[in-house]
Amino acid sequence: MQAGTVGRYILDLEELGLVDIDRRGQYNSASLTGLGQVAVEQYVTTDYRVIHPTQSTLETHLTPTPQPQASTVYPARSDTR
């Protein structure tokens, strides 16, 4: 992560209890709280993508579809006999 990439969100993250901001020096610094560390472990991938909490429990070894290619479903024709 580059410096300043979370700047616009940092106060929201602090309010949620995910980070602590150290305002004692010339420059502020932020560090993860315990809750923030748990959130990172559960909801951020190794390539820094965010996983929605309800998607984090999806299994990755699901049964594939029976067809190798997806197809389009069209509504029934009104002139069906």
N, C-alpha and C. Protein backbone atom coordinates (compact mmCIF):
# COMPACT_ATOMS: atom_id res chain seq x y z
N MET A 1 0.84 -1.16 0.00
CA MET A 1 0.00 0.00 0.00
C MET A 1 0.89 1.23 0.00
N GLN A 2 0.51 2.23 -0.76
CA GLN A 2 1.30 3.45 -0.84
C GLN A 2 0.85 4.45 0.22
N ALA A 3 1.76 5.32 0.59
CA ALA A 3 1.43 6.35 1.58
C ALA A 3 0.26 7.19 1.08
N GLY A 4 -0.69 7.44 1.96
CA GLY A 4 -1.82 8.30 1.63
C GLY A 4 -2.96 7.63 0.90
N THR A 5 -2.89 6.34 0.64
CA THR A 5 -3.96 5.71 -0.13
C THR A 5 -5.24 5.54 0.66
N VAL A 6 -5.19 5.58 1.98
CA VAL A 6 -6.40 5.46 2.79
C VAL A 6 -6.76 6.78 3.46
N GLY A 7 -6.09 7.86 3.08
CA GLY A 7 -6.27 9.15 3.73
C GLY A 7 -7.71 9.59 3.84
N ARG A 8 -8.49 9.45 2.80
CA ARG A 8 -9.87 9.94 2.85
C ARG A 8 -10.77 9.06 3.71
N TYR A 9 -10.33 7.84 4.04
CA TYR A 9 -11.15 6.92 4.82
C TYR A 9 -10.67 6.73 6.25
N ILE A 10 -9.53 7.25 6.59
CA ILE A 10 -8.89 6.93 7.85
C ILE A 10 -9.71 7.33 9.07
N LEU A 11 -10.39 8.47 9.00
CA LEU A 11 -11.21 8.87 10.14
C LEU A 11 -12.41 7.95 10.32
N ASP A 12 -12.98 7.48 9.21
CA ASP A 12 -14.08 6.50 9.29
C ASP A 12 -13.58 5.19 9.90
N LEU A 13 -12.38 4.77 9.49
CA LEU A 13 -11.81 3.54 10.04
C LEU A 13 -11.53 3.69 11.54
N GLU A 14 -11.09 4.88 11.94
CA GLU A 14 -10.86 5.13 13.37
C GLU A 14 -12.18 5.09 14.14
N GLU A 15 -13.20 5.70 13.58
CA GLU A 15 -14.52 5.73 14.24
C GLU A 15 -15.09 4.31 14.40
N LEU A 16 -14.79 3.45 13.45
CA LEU A 16 -15.27 2.05 13.52
C LEU A 16 -14.41 1.19 14.44
N GLY A 17 -13.31 1.75 14.94
CA GLY A 17 -12.45 1.00 15.85
C GLY A 17 -11.47 0.09 15.15
N LEU A 18 -11.24 0.31 13.85
CA LEU A 18 -10.34 -0.55 13.09
C LEU A 18 -8.90 -0.07 13.12
N VAL A 19 -8.69 1.22 13.33
CA VAL A 19 -7.33 1.77 13.40
C VAL A 19 -7.22 2.74 14.56
N ASP A 20 -6.01 2.90 15.06
CA ASP A 20 -5.67 3.94 16.02
C ASP A 20 -4.80 4.94 15.29
N ILE A 21 -5.06 6.22 15.49
CA ILE A 21 -4.25 7.27 14.87
C ILE A 21 -3.39 7.92 15.94
N ASP A 22 -2.09 7.95 15.69
CA ASP A 22 -1.14 8.60 16.59
C ASP A 22 -0.90 10.00 16.07
N ARG A 23 -1.39 10.99 16.79
CA ARG A 23 -1.30 12.38 16.36
C ARG A 23 -0.22 13.16 17.11
N ARG A 24 0.69 12.47 17.78
CA ARG A 24 1.69 13.14 18.62
C ARG A 24 2.85 13.73 17.85
N GLY A 25 3.19 13.19 16.71
CA GLY A 25 4.36 13.67 15.97
C GLY A 25 4.00 14.73 14.94
N GLN A 26 5.01 15.08 14.15
CA GLN A 26 4.80 16.06 13.07
C GLN A 26 3.82 15.49 12.05
N TYR A 27 3.91 14.17 11.81
CA TYR A 27 3.01 13.50 10.87
C TYR A 27 2.20 12.47 11.65
N ASN A 28 0.94 12.35 11.32
CA ASN A 28 0.10 11.34 11.94
C ASN A 28 0.47 9.97 11.39
N SER A 29 0.30 8.97 12.22
CA SER A 29 0.48 7.60 11.74
C SER A 29 -0.68 6.77 12.24
N ALA A 30 -1.02 5.74 11.51
CA ALA A 30 -2.14 4.88 11.87
C ALA A 30 -1.65 3.46 11.99
N SER A 31 -2.26 2.74 12.91
CA SER A 31 -1.96 1.32 13.07
C SER A 31 -3.27 0.57 13.31
N LEU A 32 -3.28 -0.68 12.92
CA LEU A 32 -4.48 -1.49 13.10
C LEU A 32 -4.71 -1.78 14.58
N THR A 33 -5.97 -1.77 14.97
CA THR A 33 -6.34 -2.23 16.30
C THR A 33 -6.49 -3.75 16.23
N GLY A 34 -6.78 -4.38 17.33
CA GLY A 34 -7.04 -5.82 17.31
C GLY A 34 -8.20 -6.16 16.39
N LEU A 35 -9.27 -5.36 16.48
CA LEU A 35 -10.42 -5.57 15.60
C LEU A 35 -10.04 -5.37 14.14
N GLY A 36 -9.22 -4.37 13.86
CA GLY A 36 -8.76 -4.12 12.50
C GLY A 36 -7.95 -5.27 11.95
N GLN A 37 -7.12 -5.87 12.78
CA GLN A 37 -6.31 -7.02 12.35
C GLN A 37 -7.21 -8.21 12.01
N VAL A 38 -8.22 -8.45 12.83
CA VAL A 38 -9.17 -9.54 12.55
C VAL A 38 -9.90 -9.28 11.24
N ALA A 39 -10.31 -8.03 11.02
CA ALA A 39 -11.00 -7.68 9.78
C ALA A 39 -10.12 -7.93 8.57
N VAL A 40 -8.86 -7.56 8.66
CA VAL A 40 -7.92 -7.78 7.54
C VAL A 40 -7.77 -9.28 7.28
N GLU A 41 -7.59 -10.05 8.32
CA GLU A 41 -7.40 -11.49 8.16
C GLU A 41 -8.62 -12.16 7.54
N GLN A 42 -9.81 -11.68 7.86
CA GLN A 42 -11.02 -12.33 7.37
C GLN A 42 -11.53 -11.78 6.04
N TYR A 43 -11.29 -10.49 5.76
CA TYR A 43 -11.97 -9.87 4.63
C TYR A 43 -11.07 -9.23 3.58
N VAL A 44 -9.75 -9.38 3.69
CA VAL A 44 -8.84 -8.83 2.68
C VAL A 44 -7.98 -9.98 2.16
N THR A 45 -7.94 -10.13 0.83
CA THR A 45 -7.16 -11.21 0.23
C THR A 45 -5.68 -10.82 0.18
N THR A 46 -4.84 -11.77 -0.16
CA THR A 46 -3.40 -11.51 -0.22
C THR A 46 -3.04 -10.51 -1.32
N ASP A 47 -3.92 -10.35 -2.33
CA ASP A 47 -3.68 -9.34 -3.36
C ASP A 47 -4.50 -8.07 -3.10
N TYR A 48 -4.91 -7.87 -1.84
CA TYR A 48 -5.56 -6.65 -1.34
C TYR A 48 -6.96 -6.40 -1.89
N ARG A 49 -7.65 -7.45 -2.31
CA ARG A 49 -9.06 -7.30 -2.69
C ARG A 49 -9.89 -7.51 -1.44
N VAL A 50 -11.02 -6.82 -1.37
CA VAL A 50 -11.91 -6.92 -0.21
C VAL A 50 -12.98 -7.96 -0.51
N ILE A 51 -13.23 -8.83 0.45
CA ILE A 51 -14.26 -9.85 0.34
C ILE A 51 -15.45 -9.40 1.18
N HIS A 52 -16.62 -9.40 0.61
CA HIS A 52 -17.82 -9.04 1.37
C HIS A 52 -18.04 -10.08 2.47
N PRO A 53 -18.41 -9.66 3.67
CA PRO A 53 -18.56 -10.61 4.78
C PRO A 53 -19.45 -11.81 4.48
N THR A 54 -20.54 -11.64 3.74
CA THR A 54 -21.40 -12.78 3.45
C THR A 54 -20.81 -13.68 2.38
N GLN A 55 -19.84 -13.19 1.63
CA GLN A 55 -19.19 -14.03 0.63
C GLN A 55 -17.98 -14.75 1.19
N SER A 56 -17.52 -14.35 2.36
CA SER A 56 -16.32 -14.95 2.91
C SER A 56 -16.54 -16.39 3.35
N THR A 57 -17.79 -16.80 3.48
CA THR A 57 -18.07 -18.18 3.91
C THR A 57 -18.39 -19.11 2.75
N LEU A 58 -18.37 -18.60 1.52
CA LEU A 58 -18.65 -19.46 0.37
C LEU A 58 -17.54 -20.49 0.20
N GLU A 59 -17.93 -21.68 -0.15
CA GLU A 59 -16.96 -22.75 -0.39
C GLU A 59 -16.33 -22.56 -1.77
N THR A 60 -15.08 -22.92 -1.90
CA THR A 60 -14.40 -22.78 -3.19
C THR A 60 -14.39 -24.09 -3.97
N HIS A 61 -14.83 -25.18 -3.36
CA HIS A 61 -14.82 -26.47 -4.05
C HIS A 61 -16.24 -26.89 -4.43
N LEU A 62 -16.96 -25.97 -5.07
CA LEU A 62 -18.33 -26.24 -5.48
C LEU A 62 -18.35 -27.14 -6.70
N THR A 63 -19.46 -27.83 -6.89
CA THR A 63 -19.63 -28.69 -8.05
C THR A 63 -19.78 -27.82 -9.30
N PRO A 64 -19.05 -28.14 -10.38
CA PRO A 64 -19.16 -27.33 -11.59
C PRO A 64 -20.50 -27.58 -12.30
N THR A 65 -20.85 -26.68 -13.19
CA THR A 65 -22.07 -26.86 -13.97
C THR A 65 -21.90 -28.04 -14.91
N PRO A 66 -23.00 -28.71 -15.27
CA PRO A 66 -22.87 -29.88 -16.15
C PRO A 66 -22.45 -29.54 -17.58
N GLN A 67 -22.68 -28.31 -18.00
CA GLN A 67 -22.28 -27.90 -19.35
C GLN A 67 -20.96 -27.16 -19.29
N PRO A 68 -20.10 -27.37 -20.28
CA PRO A 68 -18.83 -26.65 -20.28
C PRO A 68 -18.99 -25.17 -20.59
N GLN A 69 -20.09 -24.78 -21.23
CA GLN A 69 -20.29 -23.39 -21.57
C GLN A 69 -21.64 -22.92 -21.01
N ALA A 70 -21.69 -21.68 -20.63
CA ALA A 70 -22.95 -21.10 -20.16
C ALA A 70 -23.85 -20.83 -21.36
N SER A 71 -25.15 -20.79 -21.14
CA SER A 71 -26.07 -20.51 -22.23
C SER A 71 -27.06 -19.44 -21.79
N THR A 72 -27.81 -18.93 -22.75
CA THR A 72 -28.78 -17.88 -22.47
C THR A 72 -30.16 -18.50 -22.35
N VAL A 73 -30.93 -18.05 -21.38
CA VAL A 73 -32.31 -18.53 -21.21
C VAL A 73 -33.23 -17.44 -21.71
N TYR A 74 -34.15 -17.83 -22.59
CA TYR A 74 -35.11 -16.90 -23.15
C TYR A 74 -36.49 -17.21 -22.58
N PRO A 75 -37.37 -16.19 -22.48
CA PRO A 75 -38.72 -16.44 -21.98
C PRO A 75 -39.49 -17.31 -22.97
N ALA A 76 -40.51 -18.00 -22.48
CA ALA A 76 -41.32 -18.86 -23.34
C ALA A 76 -42.04 -18.00 -24.38
N ARG A 77 -42.19 -18.55 -25.56
CA ARG A 77 -42.90 -17.84 -26.61
C ARG A 77 -44.38 -17.88 -26.30
N SER A 78 -45.08 -16.81 -26.60
CA SER A 78 -46.52 -16.73 -26.31
C SER A 78 -47.36 -17.60 -27.22
N ASP A 79 -46.83 -18.02 -28.38
CA ASP A 79 -47.61 -18.84 -29.30
C ASP A 79 -47.36 -20.32 -29.10
N THR A 80 -46.95 -20.73 -27.89
CA THR A 80 -46.71 -22.14 -27.61
C THR A 80 -48.04 -22.89 -27.59
N ARG A 81 -48.07 -24.04 -28.26
CA ARG A 81 -49.30 -24.81 -28.36
C ARG A 81 -49.35 -25.90 -27.38
